[in-house]
Amino acid sequence: MNNLIIAMDGAWKVLVAGLLLGAGIPTLFALAVNGLATAEGGEAAAGAAPRPVGKLVALVFFIIILTLVVYGLAWLIFTSLGFKVGFNGPFPTFSK
């Protein structure tokens, strides 16, 4: 019974990470593209009037996506080189 509890404790963490990264990042990308479409207006969006705030929303989402991709690549590269990766604040730290 104890092994089942340990396995379920790890399983929910994997499930949450998979949902956030596997569905969260593509959702952010879709929202960013939608923001660009509404910023242009006209035939690109349902309404005819352009909405400039859509460009700001798209920019914020694209920056978040780019940051997550760079952090993910840094984690993959540095862990394969034998470094330990930690997050003390918003920036990753690498130690041997």
PDB file of N, CA and C in Angstrom:
ATOM      1  N   MET A   1       0.821  -1.192   0.000  1.00  0.00           N
ATOM      2  CA  MET A   1       0.000   0.000   0.000  1.00  0.00           C
ATOM      3  C   MET A   1       0.864   1.254   0.000  1.00  0.00           C
ATOM      4  N   ASN A   2       1.986   1.197   0.709  1.00  0.00           N
ATOM      5  CA  ASN A   2       2.883   2.345   0.779  1.00  0.00           C
ATOM      6  C   ASN A   2       3.483   2.649  -0.592  1.00  0.00           C
ATOM      7  N   ASN A   3       3.794   1.603  -1.370  1.00  0.00           N
ATOM      8  CA  ASN A   3       4.342   1.816  -2.712  1.00  0.00           C
ATOM      9  C   ASN A   3       3.331   2.490  -3.629  1.00  0.00           C
ATOM     10  N   LEU A   4       2.062   2.145  -3.463  1.00  0.00           N
ATOM     11  CA  LEU A   4       1.013   2.772  -4.266  1.00  0.00           C
ATOM     12  C   LEU A   4       0.912   4.265  -3.965  1.00  0.00           C
ATOM     13  N   ILE A   5       1.010   4.625  -2.706  1.00  0.00           N
ATOM     14  CA  ILE A   5       0.955   6.042  -2.322  1.00  0.00           C
ATOM     15  C   ILE A   5       2.151   6.788  -2.895  1.00  0.00           C
ATOM     16  N   ILE A   6       3.318   6.185  -2.844  1.00  0.00           N
ATOM     17  CA  ILE A   6       4.516   6.820  -3.404  1.00  0.00           C
ATOM     18  C   ILE A   6       4.377   6.978  -4.916  1.00  0.00           C
ATOM     19  N   ALA A   7       3.853   5.954  -5.584  1.00  0.00           N
ATOM     20  CA  ALA A   7       3.674   6.028  -7.036  1.00  0.00           C
ATOM     21  C   ALA A   7       2.653   7.092  -7.419  1.00  0.00           C
ATOM     22  N   MET A   8       1.560   7.179  -6.684  1.00  0.00           N
ATOM     23  CA  MET A   8       0.538   8.183  -6.986  1.00  0.00           C
ATOM     24  C   MET A   8       1.040   9.591  -6.702  1.00  0.00           C
ATOM     25  N   ASP A   9       1.914   9.729  -5.704  1.00  0.00           N
ATOM     26  CA  ASP A   9       2.483  11.042  -5.404  1.00  0.00           C
ATOM     27  C   ASP A   9       3.321  11.540  -6.574  1.00  0.00           C
ATOM     28  N   GLY A  10       4.074  10.660  -7.191  1.00  0.00           N
ATOM     29  CA  GLY A  10       4.858  11.051  -8.364  1.00  0.00           C
ATOM     30  C   GLY A  10       4.007  11.196  -9.614  1.00  0.00           C
ATOM     31  N   ALA A  11       2.946  10.405  -9.712  1.00  0.00           N
ATOM     32  CA  ALA A  11       2.110  10.425 -10.915  1.00  0.00           C
ATOM     33  C   ALA A  11       1.364  11.742 -11.073  1.00  0.00           C
ATOM     34  N   TRP A  12       0.875  12.315  -9.988  1.00  0.00           N
ATOM     35  CA  TRP A  12       0.132  13.567 -10.133  1.00  0.00           C
ATOM     36  C   TRP A  12       1.062  14.701 -10.532  1.00  0.00           C
ATOM     37  N   LYS A  13       2.328  14.650 -10.089  1.00  0.00           N
ATOM     38  CA  LYS A  13       3.292  15.685 -10.489  1.00  0.00           C
ATOM     39  C   LYS A  13       3.582  15.600 -11.984  1.00  0.00           C
ATOM     40  N   VAL A  14       3.714  14.385 -12.489  1.00  0.00           N
ATOM     41  CA  VAL A  14       3.940  14.198 -13.924  1.00  0.00           C
ATOM     42  C   VAL A  14       2.714  14.646 -14.715  1.00  0.00           C
ATOM     43  N   LEU A  15       1.531  14.344 -14.214  1.00  0.00           N
ATOM     44  CA  LEU A  15       0.296  14.751 -14.883  1.00  0.00           C
ATOM     45  C   LEU A  15       0.177  16.274 -14.960  1.00  0.00           C
ATOM     46  N   VAL A  16       0.461  16.959 -13.871  1.00  0.00           N
ATOM     47  CA  VAL A  16       0.375  18.424 -13.859  1.00  0.00           C
ATOM     48  C   VAL A  16       1.407  19.030 -14.801  1.00  0.00           C
ATOM     49  N   ALA A  17       2.639  18.522 -14.772  1.00  0.00           N
ATOM     50  CA  ALA A  17       3.671  19.042 -15.676  1.00  0.00           C
ATOM     51  C   ALA A  17       3.297  18.788 -17.131  1.00  0.00           C
ATOM     52  N   GLY A  18       2.752  17.627 -17.412  1.00  0.00           N
ATOM     53  CA  GLY A  18       2.335  17.322 -18.780  1.00  0.00           C
ATOM     54  C   GLY A  18       1.212  18.220 -19.257  1.00  0.00           C
ATOM     55  N   LEU A  19       0.263  18.502 -18.378  1.00  0.00           N
ATOM     56  CA  LEU A  19      -0.835  19.390 -18.759  1.00  0.00           C
ATOM     57  C   LEU A  19      -0.350  20.820 -18.967  1.00  0.00           C
ATOM     58  N   LEU A  20       0.515  21.291 -18.079  1.00  0.00           N
ATOM     59  CA  LEU A  20       1.004  22.664 -18.204  1.00  0.00           C
ATOM     60  C   LEU A  20       1.873  22.844 -19.437  1.00  0.00           C
ATOM     61  N   LEU A  21       2.808  21.935 -19.643  1.00  0.00           N
ATOM     62  CA  LEU A  21       3.735  22.090 -20.761  1.00  0.00           C
ATOM     63  C   LEU A  21       3.161  21.540 -22.055  1.00  0.00           C
ATOM     64  N   GLY A  22       2.443  20.445 -21.977  1.00  0.00           N
ATOM     65  CA  GLY A  22       1.921  19.824 -23.186  1.00  0.00           C
ATOM     66  C   GLY A  22       0.712  20.522 -23.758  1.00  0.00           C
ATOM     67  N   ALA A  23      -0.100  21.108 -22.909  1.00  0.00           N
ATOM     68  CA  ALA A  23      -1.285  21.817 -23.391  1.00  0.00           C
ATOM     69  C   ALA A  23      -1.193  23.314 -23.145  1.00  0.00           C
ATOM     70  N   GLY A  24      -0.432  23.713 -22.152  1.00  0.00           N
ATOM     71  CA  GLY A  24      -0.363  25.131 -21.797  1.00  0.00           C
ATOM     72  C   GLY A  24       0.385  25.984 -22.803  1.00  0.00           C
ATOM     73  N   ILE A  25       1.535  25.518 -23.250  1.00  0.00           N
ATOM     74  CA  ILE A  25       2.332  26.303 -24.198  1.00  0.00           C
ATOM     75  C   ILE A  25       1.630  26.411 -25.552  1.00  0.00           C
ATOM     76  N   PRO A  26       1.082  25.336 -26.120  1.00  0.00           N
ATOM     77  CA  PRO A  26       0.324  25.513 -27.368  1.00  0.00           C
ATOM     78  C   PRO A  26      -0.904  26.412 -27.205  1.00  0.00           C
ATOM     79  N   THR A  27      -1.525  26.384 -26.031  1.00  0.00           N
ATOM     80  CA  THR A  27      -2.659  27.276 -25.794  1.00  0.00           C
ATOM     81  C   THR A  27      -2.213  28.730 -25.784  1.00  0.00           C
ATOM     82  N   LEU A  28      -1.072  29.013 -25.146  1.00  0.00           N
ATOM     83  CA  LEU A  28      -0.531  30.378 -25.167  1.00  0.00           C
ATOM     84  C   LEU A  28      -0.216  30.815 -26.591  1.00  0.00           C
ATOM     85  N   PHE A  29       0.328  29.903 -27.392  1.00  0.00           N
ATOM     86  CA  PHE A  29       0.634  30.236 -28.779  1.00  0.00           C
ATOM     87  C   PHE A  29      -0.647  30.548 -29.553  1.00  0.00           C
ATOM     88  N   ALA A  30      -1.685  29.754 -29.335  1.00  0.00           N
ATOM     89  CA  ALA A  30      -2.959  30.001 -30.019  1.00  0.00           C
ATOM     90  C   ALA A  30      -3.554  31.342 -29.608  1.00  0.00           C
ATOM     91  N   LEU A  31      -3.445  31.682 -28.330  1.00  0.00           N
ATOM     92  CA  LEU A  31      -3.946  32.977 -27.872  1.00  0.00           C
ATOM     93  C   LEU A  31      -3.140  34.128 -28.460  1.00  0.00           C
ATOM     94  N   ALA A  32      -1.828  33.925 -28.619  1.00  0.00           N
ATOM     95  CA  ALA A  32      -0.992  34.966 -29.221  1.00  0.00           C
ATOM     96  C   ALA A  32      -1.356  35.182 -30.686  1.00  0.00           C
ATOM     97  N   VAL A  33      -1.563  34.108 -31.411  1.00  0.00           N
ATOM     98  CA  VAL A  33      -1.950  34.234 -32.822  1.00  0.00           C
ATOM     99  C   VAL A  33      -3.332  34.879 -32.931  1.00  0.00           C
ATOM    100  N   ASN A  34      -4.230  34.521 -32.031  1.00  0.00           N
ATOM    101  CA  ASN A  34      -5.551  35.139 -32.014  1.00  0.00           C
ATOM    102  C   ASN A  34      -5.444  36.631 -31.698  1.00  0.00           C
ATOM    103  N   GLY A  35      -4.536  36.998 -30.799  1.00  0.00           N
ATOM    104  CA  GLY A  35      -4.322  38.411 -30.499  1.00  0.00           C
ATOM    105  C   GLY A  35      -3.828  39.182 -31.705  1.00  0.00           C
ATOM    106  N   LEU A  36      -2.943  38.559 -32.486  1.00  0.00           N
ATOM    107  CA  LEU A  36      -2.474  39.218 -33.710  1.00  0.00           C
ATOM    108  C   LEU A  36      -3.605  39.372 -34.720  1.00  0.00           C
ATOM    109  N   ALA A  37      -4.464  38.378 -34.813  1.00  0.00           N
ATOM    110  CA  ALA A  37      -5.578  38.449 -35.764  1.00  0.00           C
ATOM    111  C   ALA A  37      -6.565  39.543 -35.380  1.00  0.00           C
ATOM    112  N   THR A  38      -6.863  39.660 -34.091  1.00  0.00           N
ATOM    113  CA  THR A  38      -7.798  40.708 -33.681  1.00  0.00           C
ATOM    114  C   THR A  38      -7.162  42.084 -33.748  1.00  0.00           C
ATOM    115  N   ALA A  39      -5.844  42.157 -33.666  1.00  0.00           N
ATOM    116  CA  ALA A  39      -5.171  43.456 -33.769  1.00  0.00           C
ATOM    117  C   ALA A  39      -5.282  44.016 -35.176  1.00  0.00           C
ATOM    118  N   GLU A  40      -5.294  43.146 -36.171  1.00  0.00           N
ATOM    119  CA  GLU A  40      -5.384  43.597 -37.560  1.00  0.00           C
ATOM    120  C   GLU A  40      -6.797  43.993 -37.939  1.00  0.00           C
ATOM    121  N   GLY A  41      -7.780  43.278 -37.412  1.00  0.00           N
ATOM    122  CA  GLY A  41      -9.165  43.570 -37.758  1.00  0.00           C
ATOM    123  C   GLY A  41      -9.472  43.169 -39.191  1.00  0.00           C
ATOM    124  N   GLY A  42     -10.554  43.683 -39.728  1.00  0.00           N
ATOM    125  CA  GLY A  42     -10.919  43.395 -41.111  1.00  0.00           C
ATOM    126  C   GLY A  42     -11.264  41.940 -41.321  1.00  0.00           C
ATOM    127  N   GLU A  43     -10.756  41.371 -42.411  1.00  0.00           N
ATOM    128  CA  GLU A  43     -11.068  39.982 -42.750  1.00  0.00           C
ATOM    129  C   GLU A  43     -10.338  38.990 -41.858  1.00  0.00           C
ATOM    130  N   ALA A  44      -9.277  39.424 -41.173  1.00  0.00           N
ATOM    131  CA  ALA A  44      -8.512  38.508 -40.331  1.00  0.00           C
ATOM    132  C   ALA A  44      -9.266  38.145 -39.056  1.00  0.00           C
ATOM    133  N   ALA A  45     -10.201  38.960 -38.638  1.00  0.00           N
ATOM    134  CA  ALA A  45     -10.947  38.696 -37.411  1.00  0.00           C
ATOM    135  C   ALA A  45     -12.440  38.820 -37.691  1.00  0.00           C
ATOM    136  N   ALA A  46     -13.240  38.415 -36.735  1.00  0.00           N
ATOM    137  CA  ALA A  46     -14.690  38.457 -36.923  1.00  0.00           C
ATOM    138  C   ALA A  46     -15.203  39.897 -36.991  1.00  0.00           C
ATOM    139  N   GLY A  47     -14.651  40.771 -36.164  1.00  0.00           N
ATOM    140  CA  GLY A  47     -15.061  42.174 -36.184  1.00  0.00           C
ATOM    141  C   GLY A  47     -14.245  42.958 -37.193  1.00  0.00           C
ATOM    142  N   ALA A  48     -14.790  44.037 -37.701  1.00  0.00           N
ATOM    143  CA  ALA A  48     -14.096  44.811 -38.729  1.00  0.00           C
ATOM    144  C   ALA A  48     -13.115  45.814 -38.138  1.00  0.00           C
ATOM    145  N   ALA A  49     -13.319  46.221 -36.904  1.00  0.00           N
ATOM    146  CA  ALA A  49     -12.459  47.252 -36.316  1.00  0.00           C
ATOM    147  C   ALA A  49     -11.190  46.633 -35.745  1.00  0.00           C
ATOM    148  N   PRO A  50     -10.027  47.228 -36.048  1.00  0.00           N
ATOM    149  CA  PRO A  50      -8.784  46.726 -35.457  1.00  0.00           C
ATOM    150  C   PRO A  50      -8.725  47.022 -33.956  1.00  0.00           C
ATOM    151  N   ARG A  51      -8.086  46.133 -33.229  1.00  0.00           N
ATOM    152  CA  ARG A  51      -7.913  46.309 -31.787  1.00  0.00           C
ATOM    153  C   ARG A  51      -6.422  46.256 -31.482  1.00  0.00           C
ATOM    154  N   PRO A  52      -5.781  47.403 -31.284  1.00  0.00           N
ATOM    155  CA  PRO A  52      -4.330  47.431 -31.075  1.00  0.00           C
ATOM    156  C   PRO A  52      -3.865  46.701 -29.823  1.00  0.00           C
ATOM    157  N   VAL A  53      -4.726  46.522 -28.832  1.00  0.00           N
ATOM    158  CA  VAL A  53      -4.318  45.809 -27.626  1.00  0.00           C
ATOM    159  C   VAL A  53      -3.984  44.349 -27.937  1.00  0.00           C
ATOM    160  N   GLY A  54      -4.488  43.837 -29.050  1.00  0.00           N
ATOM    161  CA  GLY A  54      -4.178  42.466 -29.451  1.00  0.00           C
ATOM    162  C   GLY A  54      -2.699  42.257 -29.716  1.00  0.00           C
ATOM    163  N   LYS A  55      -2.028  43.282 -30.254  1.00  0.00           N
ATOM    164  CA  LYS A  55      -0.578  43.163 -30.480  1.00  0.00           C
ATOM    165  C   LYS A  55       0.175  43.079 -29.163  1.00  0.00           C
ATOM    166  N   LEU A  56      -0.265  43.832 -28.168  1.00  0.00           N
ATOM    167  CA  LEU A  56       0.375  43.781 -26.856  1.00  0.00           C
ATOM    168  C   LEU A  56       0.175  42.413 -26.215  1.00  0.00           C
ATOM    169  N   VAL A  57      -1.039  41.888 -26.297  1.00  0.00           N
ATOM    170  CA  VAL A  57      -1.325  40.555 -25.750  1.00  0.00           C
ATOM    171  C   VAL A  57      -0.472  39.506 -26.458  1.00  0.00           C
ATOM    172  N   ALA A  58      -0.391  39.595 -27.777  1.00  0.00           N
ATOM    173  CA  ALA A  58       0.410  38.639 -28.547  1.00  0.00           C
ATOM    174  C   ALA A  58       1.882  38.738 -28.171  1.00  0.00           C
ATOM    175  N   LEU A  59       2.388  39.954 -28.006  1.00  0.00           N
ATOM    176  CA  LEU A  59       3.796  40.142 -27.645  1.00  0.00           C
ATOM    177  C   LEU A  59       4.100  39.526 -26.285  1.00  0.00           C
ATOM    178  N   VAL A  60       3.227  39.749 -25.322  1.00  0.00           N
ATOM    179  CA  VAL A  60       3.432  39.186 -23.983  1.00  0.00           C
ATOM    180  C   VAL A  60       3.440  37.659 -24.039  1.00  0.00           C
ATOM    181  N   PHE A  61       2.483  37.072 -24.763  1.00  0.00           N
ATOM    182  CA  PHE A  61       2.428  35.614 -24.851  1.00  0.00           C
ATOM    183  C   PHE A  61       3.629  35.046 -25.600  1.00  0.00           C
ATOM    184  N   PHE A  62       4.067  35.706 -26.667  1.00  0.00           N
ATOM    185  CA  PHE A  62       5.240  35.226 -27.400  1.00  0.00           C
ATOM    186  C   PHE A  62       6.502  35.310 -26.541  1.00  0.00           C
ATOM    187  N   ILE A  63       6.633  36.344 -25.717  1.00  0.00           N
ATOM    188  CA  ILE A  63       7.789  36.458 -24.816  1.00  0.00           C
ATOM    189  C   ILE A  63       7.761  35.336 -23.780  1.00  0.00           C
ATOM    190  N   ILE A  64       6.593  35.035 -23.240  1.00  0.00           N
ATOM    191  CA  ILE A  64       6.477  33.935 -22.275  1.00  0.00           C
ATOM    192  C   ILE A  64       6.860  32.613 -22.929  1.00  0.00           C
ATOM    193  N   ILE A  65       6.376  32.371 -24.138  1.00  0.00           N
ATOM    194  CA  ILE A  65       6.686  31.128 -24.853  1.00  0.00           C
ATOM    195  C   ILE A  65       8.176  31.028 -25.128  1.00  0.00           C
ATOM    196  N   LEU A  66       8.775  32.104 -25.607  1.00  0.00           N
ATOM    197  CA  LEU A  66      10.207  32.099 -25.905  1.00  0.00           C
ATOM    198  C   LEU A  66      11.031  31.850 -24.643  1.00  0.00           C
ATOM    199  N   THR A  67      10.633  32.463 -23.535  1.00  0.00           N
ATOM    200  CA  THR A  67      11.337  32.251 -22.268  1.00  0.00           C
ATOM    201  C   THR A  67      11.250  30.792 -21.829  1.00  0.00           C
ATOM    202  N   LEU A  68      10.078  30.195 -21.940  1.00  0.00           N
ATOM    203  CA  LEU A  68       9.924  28.790 -21.555  1.00  0.00           C
ATOM    204  C   LEU A  68      10.748  27.864 -22.438  1.00  0.00           C
ATOM    205  N   VAL A  69      10.803  28.156 -23.728  1.00  0.00           N
ATOM    206  CA  VAL A  69      11.599  27.327 -24.644  1.00  0.00           C
ATOM    207  C   VAL A  69      13.084  27.449 -24.321  1.00  0.00           C
ATOM    208  N   VAL A  70      13.558  28.666 -24.064  1.00  0.00           N
ATOM    209  CA  VAL A  70      14.977  28.862 -23.734  1.00  0.00           C
ATOM    210  C   VAL A  70      15.314  28.174 -22.416  1.00  0.00           C
ATOM    211  N   TYR A  71      14.446  28.299 -21.397  1.00  0.00           N
ATOM    212  CA  TYR A  71      14.681  27.609 -20.127  1.00  0.00           C
ATOM    213  C   TYR A  71      14.706  26.095 -20.320  1.00  0.00           C
ATOM    214  N   GLY A  72      13.802  25.572 -21.124  1.00  0.00           N
ATOM    215  CA  GLY A  72      13.770  24.133 -21.376  1.00  0.00           C
ATOM    216  C   GLY A  72      15.018  23.641 -22.079  1.00  0.00           C
ATOM    217  N   LEU A  73      15.463  24.381 -23.088  1.00  0.00           N
ATOM    218  CA  LEU A  73      16.695  23.998 -23.786  1.00  0.00           C
ATOM    219  C   LEU A  73      17.907  24.090 -22.868  1.00  0.00           C
ATOM    220  N   ALA A  74      17.967  25.138 -22.051  1.00  0.00           N
ATOM    221  CA  ALA A  74      19.086  25.273 -21.112  1.00  0.00           C
ATOM    222  C   ALA A  74      19.093  24.114 -20.127  1.00  0.00           C
ATOM    223  N   TRP A  75      17.931  23.729 -19.641  1.00  0.00           N
ATOM    224  CA  TRP A  75      17.859  22.613 -18.709  1.00  0.00           C
ATOM    225  C   TRP A  75      18.333  21.320 -19.366  1.00  0.00           C
ATOM    226  N   LEU A  76      17.872  21.054 -20.596  1.00  0.00           N
ATOM    227  CA  LEU A  76      18.288  19.836 -21.299  1.00  0.00           C
ATOM    228  C   LEU A  76      19.786  19.813 -21.559  1.00  0.00           C
ATOM    229  N   ILE A  77      20.319  20.916 -22.031  1.00  0.00           N
ATOM    230  CA  ILE A  77      21.738  20.969 -22.384  1.00  0.00           C
ATOM    231  C   ILE A  77      22.612  20.838 -21.150  1.00  0.00           C
ATOM    232  N   PHE A  78      22.329  21.613 -20.115  1.00  0.00           N
ATOM    233  CA  PHE A  78      23.212  21.615 -18.956  1.00  0.00           C
ATOM    234  C   PHE A  78      23.081  20.358 -18.108  1.00  0.00           C
ATOM    235  N   THR A  79      21.909  19.741 -18.038  1.00  0.00           N
ATOM    236  CA  THR A  79      21.824  18.477 -17.301  1.00  0.00           C
ATOM    237  C   THR A  79      22.535  17.361 -18.049  1.00  0.00           C
ATOM    238  N   SER A  80      22.535  17.405 -19.378  1.00  0.00           N
ATOM    239  CA  SER A  80      23.261  16.378 -20.128  1.00  0.00           C
ATOM    240  C   SER A  80      24.769  16.565 -20.013  1.00  0.00           C
ATOM    241  N   LEU A  81      25.222  17.768 -19.686  1.00  0.00           N
ATOM    242  CA  LEU A  81      26.647  18.018 -19.480  1.00  0.00           C
ATOM    243  C   LEU A  81      27.080  17.777 -18.036  1.00  0.00           C
ATOM    244  N   GLY A  82      26.160  17.358 -17.181  1.00  0.00           N
ATOM    245  CA  GLY A  82      26.497  17.022 -15.806  1.00  0.00           C
ATOM    246  C   GLY A  82      26.305  18.151 -14.811  1.00  0.00           C
ATOM    247  N   PHE A  83      25.686  19.228 -15.204  1.00  0.00           N
ATOM    248  CA  PHE A  83      25.435  20.341 -14.293  1.00  0.00           C
ATOM    249  C   PHE A  83      24.131  20.104 -13.539  1.00  0.00           C
ATOM    250  N   LYS A  84      24.044  20.693 -12.358  1.00  0.00           N
ATOM    251  CA  LYS A  84      22.784  20.704 -11.623  1.00  0.00           C
ATOM    252  C   LYS A  84      22.120  22.043 -11.888  1.00  0.00           C
ATOM    253  N   VAL A  85      20.855  21.995 -12.220  1.00  0.00           N
ATOM    254  CA  VAL A  85      20.114  23.205 -12.556  1.00  0.00           C
ATOM    255  C   VAL A  85      19.172  23.526 -11.408  1.00  0.00           C
ATOM    256  N   GLY A  86      19.253  24.763 -10.930  1.00  0.00           N
ATOM    257  CA  GLY A  86      18.360  25.221  -9.878  1.00  0.00           C
ATOM    258  C   GLY A  86      17.759  26.557 -10.255  1.00  0.00           C
ATOM    259  N   PHE A  87      16.664  26.890  -9.619  1.00  0.00           N
ATOM    260  CA  PHE A  87      16.013  28.173  -9.874  1.00  0.00           C
ATOM    261  C   PHE A  87      15.949  28.945  -8.569  1.00  0.00           C
ATOM    262  N   ASN A  88      16.843  29.910  -8.426  1.00  0.00           N
ATOM    263  CA  ASN A  88      16.812  30.826  -7.291  1.00  0.00           C
ATOM    264  C   ASN A  88      16.288  32.152  -7.810  1.00  0.00           C
ATOM    265  N   GLY A  89      14.990  32.282  -7.847  1.00  0.00           N
ATOM    266  CA  GLY A  89      14.380  33.454  -8.460  1.00  0.00           C
ATOM    267  C   GLY A  89      13.988  33.119  -9.887  1.00  0.00           C
ATOM    268  N   PRO A  90      13.884  34.135 -10.732  1.00  0.00           N
ATOM    269  CA  PRO A  90      13.417  33.876 -12.101  1.00  0.00           C
ATOM    270  C   PRO A  90      14.483  33.307 -13.032  1.00  0.00           C
ATOM    271  N   PHE A  91      15.736  33.358 -12.630  1.00  0.00           N
ATOM    272  CA  PHE A  91      16.810  32.927 -13.519  1.00  0.00           C
ATOM    273  C   PHE A  91      17.390  31.598 -13.061  1.00  0.00           C
ATOM    274  N   PRO A  92      17.687  30.700 -14.009  1.00  0.00           N
ATOM    275  CA  PRO A  92      18.275  29.415 -13.618  1.00  0.00           C
ATOM    276  C   PRO A  92      19.733  29.576 -13.213  1.00  0.00           C
ATOM    277  N   THR A  93      20.163  28.736 -12.284  1.00  0.00           N
ATOM    278  CA  THR A  93      21.566  28.700 -11.876  1.00  0.00           C
ATOM    279  C   THR A  93      22.108  27.316 -12.196  1.00  0.00           C
ATOM    280  N   PHE A  94      23.366  27.273 -12.631  1.00  0.00           N
ATOM    281  CA  PHE A  94      24.001  26.024 -13.033  1.00  0.00           C
ATOM    282  C   PHE A  94      25.224  25.800 -12.159  1.00  0.00           C
ATOM    283  N   SER A  95      25.315  24.617 -11.550  1.00  0.00           N
ATOM    284  CA  SER A  95      26.471  24.291 -10.725  1.00  0.00           C
ATOM    285  C   SER A  95      26.921  22.882 -11.051  1.00  0.00           C
ATOM    286  N   LYS A  96      28.206  22.657 -10.947  1.00  0.00           N
ATOM    287  CA  LYS A  96      28.788  21.353 -11.273  1.00  0.00           C
ATOM    288  C   LYS A  96      28.719  20.422 -10.106  1.00  0.00           C
TER     289      LYS A  96
END
